[in-house]
Full PDB file with SEQRES, HELIX, SHEET, SSBOND, CRYST1, ORIGX, SCALE, CONECT and MASTER records, all heavy atoms in Angstrom:
SEQRES   1 A   37  LYS ALA TYR ARG ASP THR HIS LYS GLN TYR PRO ALA ARG          
SEQRES   2 A   37  LEU VAL ILE HIS LYS THR SER PRO PHE ASN ASP ALA GLU          
SEQRES   3 A   37  LYS SER GLY ILE GLU ARG ALA LEU VAL GLU VAL                  
HELIX    1 AA1 ALA A    2  HIS A    7  1                                   6    
HELIX    2 AA2 ASP A   24  GLU A   36  1                                  13    
CRYST1    1.000    1.000    1.000  90.00  90.00  90.00 P 1           1          
ORIGX1      1.000000  0.000000  0.000000        0.00000                         
ORIGX2      0.000000  1.000000  0.000000        0.00000                         
ORIGX3      0.000000  0.000000  1.000000        0.00000                         
SCALE1      1.000000  0.000000  0.000000        0.00000                         
SCALE2      0.000000  1.000000  0.000000        0.00000                         
SCALE3      0.000000  0.000000  1.000000        0.00000                         
ATOM      1  N   LYS A   1       6.741  17.883 -23.205  1.00  0.00           N  
ATOM      2  CA  LYS A   1       6.209  18.054 -24.570  1.00  0.00           C  
ATOM      3  C   LYS A   1       7.205  18.542 -25.478  1.00  0.00           C  
ATOM      4  O   LYS A   1       7.473  18.009 -26.619  1.00  0.00           O  
ATOM      5  CB  LYS A   1       5.102  19.054 -24.501  1.00  0.00           C  
ATOM      6  CG  LYS A   1       4.500  19.288 -25.893  1.00  0.00           C  
ATOM      7  CD  LYS A   1       3.410  20.319 -25.861  1.00  0.00           C  
ATOM      8  CE  LYS A   1       2.866  20.566 -27.162  1.00  0.00           C  
ATOM      9  NZ  LYS A   1       3.631  20.487 -28.358  1.00  0.00           N  
ATOM     10  N   ALA A   2       8.259  19.417 -25.012  1.00  0.00           N  
ATOM     11  CA  ALA A   2       9.210  19.898 -25.785  1.00  0.00           C  
ATOM     12  C   ALA A   2      10.207  18.711 -26.167  1.00  0.00           C  
ATOM     13  O   ALA A   2      10.747  18.643 -27.349  1.00  0.00           O  
ATOM     14  CB  ALA A   2       9.974  20.934 -25.172  1.00  0.00           C  
ATOM     15  N   TYR A   3      10.525  17.920 -25.214  1.00  0.00           N  
ATOM     16  CA  TYR A   3      11.379  16.789 -25.422  1.00  0.00           C  
ATOM     17  C   TYR A   3      10.710  15.814 -26.528  1.00  0.00           C  
ATOM     18  O   TYR A   3      11.424  15.403 -27.583  1.00  0.00           O  
ATOM     19  CB  TYR A   3      11.745  15.974 -24.181  1.00  0.00           C  
ATOM     20  CG  TYR A   3      12.697  14.911 -24.349  1.00  0.00           C  
ATOM     21  CD1 TYR A   3      13.989  15.167 -24.089  1.00  0.00           C  
ATOM     22  CD2 TYR A   3      12.314  13.654 -24.767  1.00  0.00           C  
ATOM     23  CE1 TYR A   3      14.924  14.228 -24.131  1.00  0.00           C  
ATOM     24  CE2 TYR A   3      13.268  12.639 -24.913  1.00  0.00           C  
ATOM     25  CZ  TYR A   3      14.587  12.835 -24.653  1.00  0.00           C  
ATOM     26  OH  TYR A   3      15.479  11.834 -24.778  1.00  0.00           O  
ATOM     27  N   ARG A   4       9.441  15.522 -26.321  1.00  0.00           N  
ATOM     28  CA  ARG A   4       8.827  14.534 -27.138  1.00  0.00           C  
ATOM     29  C   ARG A   4       8.609  15.228 -28.490  1.00  0.00           C  
ATOM     30  O   ARG A   4       8.802  14.453 -29.508  1.00  0.00           O  
ATOM     31  CB  ARG A   4       7.397  14.221 -26.624  1.00  0.00           C  
ATOM     32  CG  ARG A   4       6.750  13.148 -27.467  1.00  0.00           C  
ATOM     33  CD  ARG A   4       5.444  12.702 -26.887  1.00  0.00           C  
ATOM     34  NE  ARG A   4       4.961  11.708 -27.653  1.00  0.00           N  
ATOM     35  CZ  ARG A   4       3.858  10.884 -27.417  1.00  0.00           C  
ATOM     36  NH1 ARG A   4       3.414  11.040 -26.231  1.00  0.00           N  
ATOM     37  NH2 ARG A   4       3.425  10.100 -28.302  1.00  0.00           N  
ATOM     38  N   ASP A   5       8.413  16.380 -28.623  1.00  0.00           N  
ATOM     39  CA  ASP A   5       8.288  17.077 -30.092  1.00  0.00           C  
ATOM     40  C   ASP A   5       9.614  16.856 -30.748  1.00  0.00           C  
ATOM     41  O   ASP A   5       9.516  16.774 -32.045  1.00  0.00           O  
ATOM     42  CB  ASP A   5       7.872  18.592 -30.003  1.00  0.00           C  
ATOM     43  CG  ASP A   5       6.479  18.727 -29.481  1.00  0.00           C  
ATOM     44  OD1 ASP A   5       5.664  17.778 -29.453  1.00  0.00           O  
ATOM     45  OD2 ASP A   5       6.154  19.944 -29.146  1.00  0.00           O  
ATOM     46  N   THR A   6      10.668  16.990 -30.122  1.00  0.00           N  
ATOM     47  CA  THR A   6      12.044  16.841 -30.747  1.00  0.00           C  
ATOM     48  C   THR A   6      12.351  15.433 -30.991  1.00  0.00           C  
ATOM     49  O   THR A   6      12.898  15.105 -32.082  1.00  0.00           O  
ATOM     50  CB  THR A   6      13.055  17.575 -29.870  1.00  0.00           C  
ATOM     51  OG1 THR A   6      12.772  18.896 -29.769  1.00  0.00           O  
ATOM     52  CG2 THR A   6      14.435  17.395 -30.501  1.00  0.00           C  
ATOM     53  N   HIS A   7      12.172  14.598 -30.039  1.00  0.00           N  
ATOM     54  CA  HIS A   7      12.682  13.214 -30.173  1.00  0.00           C  
ATOM     55  C   HIS A   7      11.640  12.157 -30.511  1.00  0.00           C  
ATOM     56  O   HIS A   7      11.957  10.865 -30.485  1.00  0.00           O  
ATOM     57  CB  HIS A   7      13.381  12.841 -28.838  1.00  0.00           C  
ATOM     58  CG  HIS A   7      14.636  13.652 -28.503  1.00  0.00           C  
ATOM     59  ND1 HIS A   7      15.843  13.556 -29.153  1.00  0.00           N  
ATOM     60  CD2 HIS A   7      14.758  14.795 -27.639  1.00  0.00           C  
ATOM     61  CE1 HIS A   7      16.572  14.446 -28.652  1.00  0.00           C  
ATOM     62  NE2 HIS A   7      16.047  15.227 -27.846  1.00  0.00           N  
ATOM     63  N   LYS A   8      10.447  12.544 -30.699  1.00  0.00           N  
ATOM     64  CA  LYS A   8       9.312  11.645 -30.958  1.00  0.00           C  
ATOM     65  C   LYS A   8       9.019  10.663 -29.874  1.00  0.00           C  
ATOM     66  O   LYS A   8       8.370   9.551 -30.086  1.00  0.00           O  
ATOM     67  CB  LYS A   8       9.523  10.961 -32.162  1.00  0.00           C  
ATOM     68  CG  LYS A   8       9.842  11.801 -33.425  1.00  0.00           C  
ATOM     69  CD  LYS A   8       8.684  12.894 -33.608  1.00  0.00           C  
ATOM     70  CE  LYS A   8       9.221  13.844 -34.772  1.00  0.00           C  
ATOM     71  NZ  LYS A   8       8.845  15.168 -34.493  1.00  0.00           N  
ATOM     72  N   GLN A   9       9.492  10.777 -28.723  1.00  0.00           N  
ATOM     73  CA  GLN A   9       9.262   9.866 -27.543  1.00  0.00           C  
ATOM     74  C   GLN A   9       9.585  10.660 -26.276  1.00  0.00           C  
ATOM     75  O   GLN A   9      10.293  11.601 -26.332  1.00  0.00           O  
ATOM     76  CB  GLN A   9      10.101   8.579 -27.628  1.00  0.00           C  
ATOM     77  CG  GLN A   9      11.578   8.830 -27.534  1.00  0.00           C  
ATOM     78  CD  GLN A   9      12.369   7.570 -27.784  1.00  0.00           C  
ATOM     79  OE1 GLN A   9      11.879   6.562 -28.312  1.00  0.00           O  
ATOM     80  NE2 GLN A   9      13.583   7.533 -27.255  1.00  0.00           N  
ATOM     81  N   TYR A  10       9.124  10.177 -25.152  1.00  0.00           N  
ATOM     82  CA  TYR A  10       9.475  10.721 -23.810  1.00  0.00           C  
ATOM     83  C   TYR A  10      10.832  10.216 -23.435  1.00  0.00           C  
ATOM     84  O   TYR A  10      11.271   9.122 -23.856  1.00  0.00           O  
ATOM     85  CB  TYR A  10       8.393  10.354 -22.805  1.00  0.00           C  
ATOM     86  CG  TYR A  10       7.073  11.060 -22.958  1.00  0.00           C  
ATOM     87  CD1 TYR A  10       5.946  10.407 -23.291  1.00  0.00           C  
ATOM     88  CD2 TYR A  10       7.140  12.521 -22.879  1.00  0.00           C  
ATOM     89  CE1 TYR A  10       4.815  11.136 -23.454  1.00  0.00           C  
ATOM     90  CE2 TYR A  10       5.859  13.212 -23.076  1.00  0.00           C  
ATOM     91  CZ  TYR A  10       4.776  12.530 -23.297  1.00  0.00           C  
ATOM     92  OH  TYR A  10       3.611  13.095 -23.544  1.00  0.00           O  
ATOM     93  N   PRO A  11      11.504  10.962 -22.510  1.00  0.00           N  
ATOM     94  CA  PRO A  11      12.912  10.419 -22.128  1.00  0.00           C  
ATOM     95  C   PRO A  11      12.703   9.113 -21.239  1.00  0.00           C  
ATOM     96  O   PRO A  11      11.745   9.030 -20.619  1.00  0.00           O  
ATOM     97  CB  PRO A  11      13.355  11.685 -21.244  1.00  0.00           C  
ATOM     98  CG  PRO A  11      12.115  12.316 -20.802  1.00  0.00           C  
ATOM     99  CD  PRO A  11      11.157  12.132 -21.906  1.00  0.00           C  
ATOM    100  N   ALA A  12      13.754   8.296 -21.383  1.00  0.00           N  
ATOM    101  CA  ALA A  12      13.724   7.079 -20.570  1.00  0.00           C  
ATOM    102  C   ALA A  12      14.057   7.301 -19.220  1.00  0.00           C  
ATOM    103  O   ALA A  12      13.682   6.582 -18.230  1.00  0.00           O  
ATOM    104  CB  ALA A  12      14.836   6.091 -21.162  1.00  0.00           C  
ATOM    105  N   ARG A  13      14.691   8.463 -18.887  1.00  0.00           N  
ATOM    106  CA  ARG A  13      15.050   8.819 -17.481  1.00  0.00           C  
ATOM    107  C   ARG A  13      14.931  10.379 -17.290  1.00  0.00           C  
ATOM    108  O   ARG A  13      15.168  11.057 -18.283  1.00  0.00           O  
ATOM    109  CB  ARG A  13      16.687   8.447 -17.337  1.00  0.00           C  
ATOM    110  CG  ARG A  13      17.085   8.788 -16.097  1.00  0.00           C  
ATOM    111  CD  ARG A  13      18.643   8.244 -15.999  1.00  0.00           C  
ATOM    112  NE  ARG A  13      19.236   8.565 -14.728  1.00  0.00           N  
ATOM    113  CZ  ARG A  13      20.301   9.373 -14.598  1.00  0.00           C  
ATOM    114  NH1 ARG A  13      20.841   9.952 -15.661  1.00  0.00           N  
ATOM    115  NH2 ARG A  13      20.707   9.747 -13.435  1.00  0.00           N  
ATOM    116  N   LEU A  14      14.446  10.632 -16.101  1.00  0.00           N  
ATOM    117  CA  LEU A  14      14.210  12.047 -15.836  1.00  0.00           C  
ATOM    118  C   LEU A  14      14.872  12.500 -14.533  1.00  0.00           C  
ATOM    119  O   LEU A  14      14.612  11.776 -13.592  1.00  0.00           O  
ATOM    120  CB  LEU A  14      12.733  12.357 -15.771  1.00  0.00           C  
ATOM    121  CG  LEU A  14      12.234  13.693 -15.386  1.00  0.00           C  
ATOM    122  CD1 LEU A  14      12.695  14.653 -16.568  1.00  0.00           C  
ATOM    123  CD2 LEU A  14      10.845  13.844 -15.246  1.00  0.00           C  
ATOM    124  N   VAL A  15      15.625  13.425 -14.579  1.00  0.00           N  
ATOM    125  CA  VAL A  15      16.323  13.917 -13.334  1.00  0.00           C  
ATOM    126  C   VAL A  15      15.951  15.360 -13.141  1.00  0.00           C  
ATOM    127  O   VAL A  15      16.170  16.168 -14.069  1.00  0.00           O  
ATOM    128  CB  VAL A  15      17.851  13.754 -13.380  1.00  0.00           C  
ATOM    129  CG1 VAL A  15      18.438  14.262 -12.122  1.00  0.00           C  
ATOM    130  CG2 VAL A  15      18.284  12.270 -13.579  1.00  0.00           C  
ATOM    131  N   ILE A  16      15.420  15.790 -12.083  1.00  0.00           N  
ATOM    132  CA  ILE A  16      15.045  17.195 -11.847  1.00  0.00           C  
ATOM    133  C   ILE A  16      15.945  17.689 -10.795  1.00  0.00           C  
ATOM    134  O   ILE A  16      15.995  17.235  -9.652  1.00  0.00           O  
ATOM    135  CB  ILE A  16      13.555  17.285 -11.432  1.00  0.00           C  
ATOM    136  CG1 ILE A  16      12.792  16.609 -12.470  1.00  0.00           C  
ATOM    137  CG2 ILE A  16      13.122  18.695 -11.203  1.00  0.00           C  
ATOM    138  CD1 ILE A  16      11.236  16.462 -12.219  1.00  0.00           C  
ATOM    139  N   HIS A  17      16.648  18.774 -11.067  1.00  0.00           N  
ATOM    140  CA  HIS A  17      17.439  19.458 -10.072  1.00  0.00           C  
ATOM    141  C   HIS A  17      16.857  20.847  -9.816  1.00  0.00           C  
ATOM    142  O   HIS A  17      16.309  21.451 -10.667  1.00  0.00           O  
ATOM    143  CB  HIS A  17      18.920  19.756 -10.747  1.00  0.00           C  
ATOM    144  CG  HIS A  17      19.652  18.459 -10.954  1.00  0.00           C  
ATOM    145  ND1 HIS A  17      20.331  17.823 -10.003  1.00  0.00           N  
ATOM    146  CD2 HIS A  17      19.856  17.660 -12.053  1.00  0.00           C  
ATOM    147  CE1 HIS A  17      20.907  16.663 -10.427  1.00  0.00           C  
ATOM    148  NE2 HIS A  17      20.555  16.685 -11.667  1.00  0.00           N  
ATOM    149  N   LYS A  18      17.080  21.250  -8.548  1.00  0.00           N  
ATOM    150  CA  LYS A  18      16.679  22.557  -8.081  1.00  0.00           C  
ATOM    151  C   LYS A  18      17.665  23.097  -7.072  1.00  0.00           C  
ATOM    152  O   LYS A  18      18.361  22.276  -6.332  1.00  0.00           O  
ATOM    153  CB  LYS A  18      15.326  22.296  -7.520  1.00  0.00           C  
ATOM    154  CG  LYS A  18      14.534  23.591  -7.087  1.00  0.00           C  
ATOM    155  CD  LYS A  18      13.119  23.122  -6.642  1.00  0.00           C  
ATOM    156  CE  LYS A  18      12.314  24.315  -6.215  1.00  0.00           C  
ATOM    157  NZ  LYS A  18      12.467  24.596  -4.817  1.00  0.00           N  
ATOM    158  N   THR A  19      17.904  24.334  -6.981  1.00  0.00           N  
ATOM    159  CA  THR A  19      18.875  24.841  -6.113  1.00  0.00           C  
ATOM    160  C   THR A  19      18.437  24.813  -4.602  1.00  0.00           C  
ATOM    161  O   THR A  19      19.249  25.038  -3.688  1.00  0.00           O  
ATOM    162  CB  THR A  19      19.317  26.348  -6.404  1.00  0.00           C  
ATOM    163  OG1 THR A  19      18.176  27.115  -6.453  1.00  0.00           O  
ATOM    164  CG2 THR A  19      19.989  26.281  -7.842  1.00  0.00           C  
ATOM    165  N   SER A  20      17.150  24.717  -4.411  1.00  0.00           N  
ATOM    166  CA  SER A  20      16.679  24.640  -3.008  1.00  0.00           C  
ATOM    167  C   SER A  20      15.820  23.316  -2.917  1.00  0.00           C  
ATOM    168  O   SER A  20      15.405  22.818  -3.935  1.00  0.00           O  
ATOM    169  CB  SER A  20      15.692  25.905  -2.728  1.00  0.00           C  
ATOM    170  OG  SER A  20      14.626  25.988  -3.661  1.00  0.00           O  
ATOM    171  N   PRO A  21      15.423  22.998  -1.702  1.00  0.00           N  
ATOM    172  CA  PRO A  21      14.585  21.845  -1.534  1.00  0.00           C  
ATOM    173  C   PRO A  21      13.189  21.993  -2.127  1.00  0.00           C  
ATOM    174  O   PRO A  21      12.670  23.079  -2.306  1.00  0.00           O  
ATOM    175  CB  PRO A  21      14.542  21.632  -0.007  1.00  0.00           C  
ATOM    176  CG  PRO A  21      15.628  22.334   0.634  1.00  0.00           C  
ATOM    177  CD  PRO A  21      15.934  23.517  -0.392  1.00  0.00           C  
ATOM    178  N   PHE A  22      12.618  20.790  -2.674  1.00  0.00           N  
ATOM    179  CA  PHE A  22      11.273  20.836  -3.264  1.00  0.00           C  
ATOM    180  C   PHE A  22      10.262  20.938  -1.993  1.00  0.00           C  
ATOM    181  O   PHE A  22      10.501  20.306  -0.980  1.00  0.00           O  
ATOM    182  CB  PHE A  22      11.066  19.624  -4.048  1.00  0.00           C  
ATOM    183  CG  PHE A  22      11.757  19.467  -5.272  1.00  0.00           C  
ATOM    184  CD1 PHE A  22      12.873  18.916  -5.322  1.00  0.00           C  
ATOM    185  CD2 PHE A  22      11.211  20.074  -6.391  1.00  0.00           C  
ATOM    186  CE1 PHE A  22      13.663  18.773  -6.605  1.00  0.00           C  
ATOM    187  CE2 PHE A  22      11.828  20.085  -7.646  1.00  0.00           C  
ATOM    188  CZ  PHE A  22      13.123  19.461  -7.760  1.00  0.00           C  
ATOM    189  N   ASN A  23       9.227  21.659  -2.238  1.00  0.00           N  
ATOM    190  CA  ASN A  23       8.206  21.744  -1.164  1.00  0.00           C  
ATOM    191  C   ASN A  23       7.121  20.829  -1.569  1.00  0.00           C  
ATOM    192  O   ASN A  23       7.117  20.216  -2.656  1.00  0.00           O  
ATOM    193  CB  ASN A  23       7.709  23.174  -0.788  1.00  0.00           C  
ATOM    194  CG  ASN A  23       6.962  23.848  -2.044  1.00  0.00           C  
ATOM    195  OD1 ASN A  23       6.576  23.162  -2.982  1.00  0.00           O  
ATOM    196  ND2 ASN A  23       6.735  25.013  -1.986  1.00  0.00           N  
ATOM    197  N   ASP A  24       6.126  20.562  -0.739  1.00  0.00           N  
ATOM    198  CA  ASP A  24       5.142  19.633  -1.076  1.00  0.00           C  
ATOM    199  C   ASP A  24       4.293  19.952  -2.307  1.00  0.00           C  
ATOM    200  O   ASP A  24       3.875  19.103  -3.105  1.00  0.00           O  
ATOM    201  CB  ASP A  24       4.088  19.402   0.143  1.00  0.00           C  
ATOM    202  CG  ASP A  24       4.769  18.701   1.284  1.00  0.00           C  
ATOM    203  OD1 ASP A  24       5.883  18.051   1.058  1.00  0.00           O  
ATOM    204  OD2 ASP A  24       4.229  18.885   2.487  1.00  0.00           O  
ATOM    205  N   ALA A  25       3.983  21.309  -2.439  1.00  0.00           N  
ATOM    206  CA  ALA A  25       3.255  21.647  -3.684  1.00  0.00           C  
ATOM    207  C   ALA A  25       3.938  21.365  -4.932  1.00  0.00           C  
ATOM    208  O   ALA A  25       3.472  20.861  -6.014  1.00  0.00           O  
ATOM    209  CB  ALA A  25       2.878  23.302  -3.675  1.00  0.00           C  
ATOM    210  N   GLU A  26       5.345  21.584  -4.941  1.00  0.00           N  
ATOM    211  CA  GLU A  26       6.148  21.374  -6.184  1.00  0.00           C  
ATOM    212  C   GLU A  26       6.145  19.855  -6.366  1.00  0.00           C  
ATOM    213  O   GLU A  26       5.999  19.492  -7.617  1.00  0.00           O  
ATOM    214  CB  GLU A  26       7.547  21.819  -5.963  1.00  0.00           C  
ATOM    215  CG  GLU A  26       7.577  23.360  -6.015  1.00  0.00           C  
ATOM    216  CD  GLU A  26       8.886  23.989  -5.580  1.00  0.00           C  
ATOM    217  OE1 GLU A  26       9.595  23.346  -4.579  1.00  0.00           O  
ATOM    218  OE2 GLU A  26       9.334  25.060  -5.985  1.00  0.00           O  
ATOM    219  N   LYS A  27       6.399  19.013  -5.387  1.00  0.00           N  
ATOM    220  CA  LYS A  27       6.325  17.626  -5.576  1.00  0.00           C  
ATOM    221  C   LYS A  27       4.963  17.074  -6.106  1.00  0.00           C  
ATOM    222  O   LYS A  27       4.983  16.208  -6.985  1.00  0.00           O  
ATOM    223  CB  LYS A  27       6.523  16.927  -4.196  1.00  0.00           C  
ATOM    224  CG  LYS A  27       7.945  17.085  -3.683  1.00  0.00           C  
ATOM    225  CD  LYS A  27       8.109  16.478  -2.316  1.00  0.00           C  
ATOM    226  CE  LYS A  27       9.314  16.839  -1.624  1.00  0.00           C  
ATOM    227  NZ  LYS A  27       9.387  16.189  -0.292  1.00  0.00           N  
ATOM    228  N   SER A  28       3.912  17.670  -5.594  1.00  0.00           N  
ATOM    229  CA  SER A  28       2.564  17.230  -6.117  1.00  0.00           C  
ATOM    230  C   SER A  28       2.373  17.673  -7.559  1.00  0.00           C  
ATOM    231  O   SER A  28       1.891  16.776  -8.326  1.00  0.00           O  
ATOM    232  CB  SER A  28       1.500  17.898  -5.384  1.00  0.00           C  
ATOM    233  OG  SER A  28       1.484  17.425  -3.984  1.00  0.00           O  
ATOM    234  N   GLY A  29       2.908  18.701  -7.970  1.00  0.00           N  
ATOM    235  CA  GLY A  29       2.733  19.254  -9.407  1.00  0.00           C  
ATOM    236  C   GLY A  29       3.581  18.378 -10.335  1.00  0.00           C  
ATOM    237  O   GLY A  29       3.039  17.945 -11.357  1.00  0.00           O  
ATOM    238  N   ILE A  30       4.803  18.051  -9.857  1.00  0.00           N  
ATOM    239  CA  ILE A  30       5.607  17.190 -10.605  1.00  0.00           C  
ATOM    240  C   ILE A  30       5.135  15.734 -10.746  1.00  0.00           C  
ATOM    241  O   ILE A  30       5.028  15.195 -11.775  1.00  0.00           O  
ATOM    242  CB  ILE A  30       6.995  17.252  -9.946  1.00  0.00           C  
ATOM    243  CG1 ILE A  30       7.768  18.571 -10.176  1.00  0.00           C  
ATOM    244  CG2 ILE A  30       7.840  15.894 -10.523  1.00  0.00           C  
ATOM    245  CD1 ILE A  30       8.950  18.674  -9.289  1.00  0.00           C  
ATOM    246  N   GLU A  31       4.605  15.206  -9.629  1.00  0.00           N  
ATOM    247  CA  GLU A  31       3.969  13.859  -9.695  1.00  0.00           C  
ATOM    248  C   GLU A  31       2.726  13.811 -10.585  1.00  0.00           C  
ATOM    249  O   GLU A  31       2.518  12.819 -11.281  1.00  0.00           O  
ATOM    250  CB  GLU A  31       3.576  13.396  -8.269  1.00  0.00           C  
ATOM    251  CG  GLU A  31       4.821  13.093  -7.407  1.00  0.00           C  
ATOM    252  CD  GLU A  31       4.533  12.740  -5.987  1.00  0.00           C  
ATOM    253  OE1 GLU A  31       3.495  12.807  -5.630  1.00  0.00           O  
ATOM    254  OE2 GLU A  31       5.541  12.704  -5.192  1.00  0.00           O  
ATOM    255  N   ARG A  32       2.028  14.893 -10.516  1.00  0.00           N  
ATOM    256  CA  ARG A  32       0.716  14.920 -11.368  1.00  0.00           C  
ATOM    257  C   ARG A  32       0.969  14.853 -12.811  1.00  0.00           C  
ATOM    258  O   ARG A  32       0.478  14.186 -13.671  1.00  0.00           O  
ATOM    259  CB  ARG A  32      -0.080  16.141 -10.956  1.00  0.00           C  
ATOM    260  CG  ARG A  32      -1.472  16.067 -11.425  1.00  0.00           C  
ATOM    261  CD  ARG A  32      -2.267  17.274 -10.838  1.00  0.00           C  
ATOM    262  NE  ARG A  32      -2.213  18.404 -11.811  1.00  0.00           N  
ATOM    263  CZ  ARG A  32      -2.263  19.635 -11.483  1.00  0.00           C  
ATOM    264  NH1 ARG A  32      -2.412  20.036 -10.213  1.00  0.00           N  
ATOM    265  NH2 ARG A  32      -2.222  20.595 -12.452  1.00  0.00           N  
ATOM    266  N   ALA A  33       2.147  15.696 -13.178  1.00  0.00           N  
ATOM    267  CA  ALA A  33       2.455  15.735 -14.622  1.00  0.00           C  
ATOM    268  C   ALA A  33       3.063  14.346 -15.007  1.00  0.00           C  
ATOM    269  O   ALA A  33       2.885  13.818 -16.167  1.00  0.00           O  
ATOM    270  CB  ALA A  33       3.584  16.817 -14.878  1.00  0.00           C  
ATOM    271  N   LEU A  34       3.858  13.634 -14.166  1.00  0.00           N  
ATOM    272  CA  LEU A  34       4.425  12.339 -14.447  1.00  0.00           C  
ATOM    273  C   LEU A  34       3.287  11.225 -14.624  1.00  0.00           C  
ATOM    274  O   LEU A  34       3.445  10.413 -15.517  1.00  0.00           O  
ATOM    275  CB  LEU A  34       5.504  11.931 -13.421  1.00  0.00           C  
ATOM    276  CG  LEU A  34       6.750  12.770 -13.429  1.00  0.00           C  
ATOM    277  CD1 LEU A  34       7.667  12.342 -12.223  1.00  0.00           C  
ATOM    278  CD2 LEU A  34       7.416  12.636 -14.784  1.00  0.00           C  
ATOM    279  N   VAL A  35       2.336  11.356 -13.771  1.00  0.00           N  
ATOM    280  CA  VAL A  35       1.240  10.346 -13.878  1.00  0.00           C  
ATOM    281  C   VAL A  35       0.519  10.494 -15.229  1.00  0.00           C  
ATOM    282  O   VAL A  35       0.128   9.515 -15.819  1.00  0.00           O  
ATOM    283  CB  VAL A  35       0.140  10.635 -12.730  1.00  0.00           C  
ATOM    284  CG1 VAL A  35      -1.116   9.731 -12.960  1.00  0.00           C  
ATOM    285  CG2 VAL A  35       0.883  10.069 -11.439  1.00  0.00           C  
ATOM    286  N   GLU A  36       0.331  11.779 -15.608  1.00  0.00           N  
ATOM    287  CA  GLU A  36      -0.320  12.049 -16.986  1.00  0.00           C  
ATOM    288  C   GLU A  36       0.505  11.404 -18.203  1.00  0.00           C  
ATOM    289  O   GLU A  36      -0.057  11.012 -19.166  1.00  0.00           O  
ATOM    290  CB  GLU A  36      -0.630  13.436 -17.169  1.00  0.00           C  
ATOM    291  CG  GLU A  36      -1.781  13.864 -16.295  1.00  0.00           C  
ATOM    292  CD  GLU A  36      -2.187  15.332 -16.555  1.00  0.00           C  
ATOM    293  OE1 GLU A  36      -1.842  15.831 -17.664  1.00  0.00           O  
ATOM    294  OE2 GLU A  36      -2.922  15.861 -15.765  1.00  0.00           O  
ATOM    295  N   VAL A  37       1.726  11.532 -18.071  1.00  0.00           N  
ATOM    296  CA  VAL A  37       2.678  11.128 -19.118  1.00  0.00           C  
ATOM    297  C   VAL A  37       2.768   9.624 -19.007  1.00  0.00           C  
ATOM    298  O   VAL A  37       2.876   8.978 -20.062  1.00  0.00           O  
ATOM    299  CB  VAL A  37       3.970  11.819 -19.051  1.00  0.00           C  
ATOM    300  CG1 VAL A  37       4.940  11.255 -20.070  1.00  0.00           C  
ATOM    301  CG2 VAL A  37       3.815  13.237 -19.278  1.00  0.00           C  
TER     302      VAL A  37                                                      
MASTER        0    0    0    2    0    0    0    6  301    1    0    3          
END                                                                             
């Protein structure tokens, strides 16, 4: 939302970095957000 508010569109590419491996709950939350967008 912050990106879209600034640029008036969603990013064409999204890279998510984390210092530790993603667990299943984090992956599910990320996927749910992406499906909605």
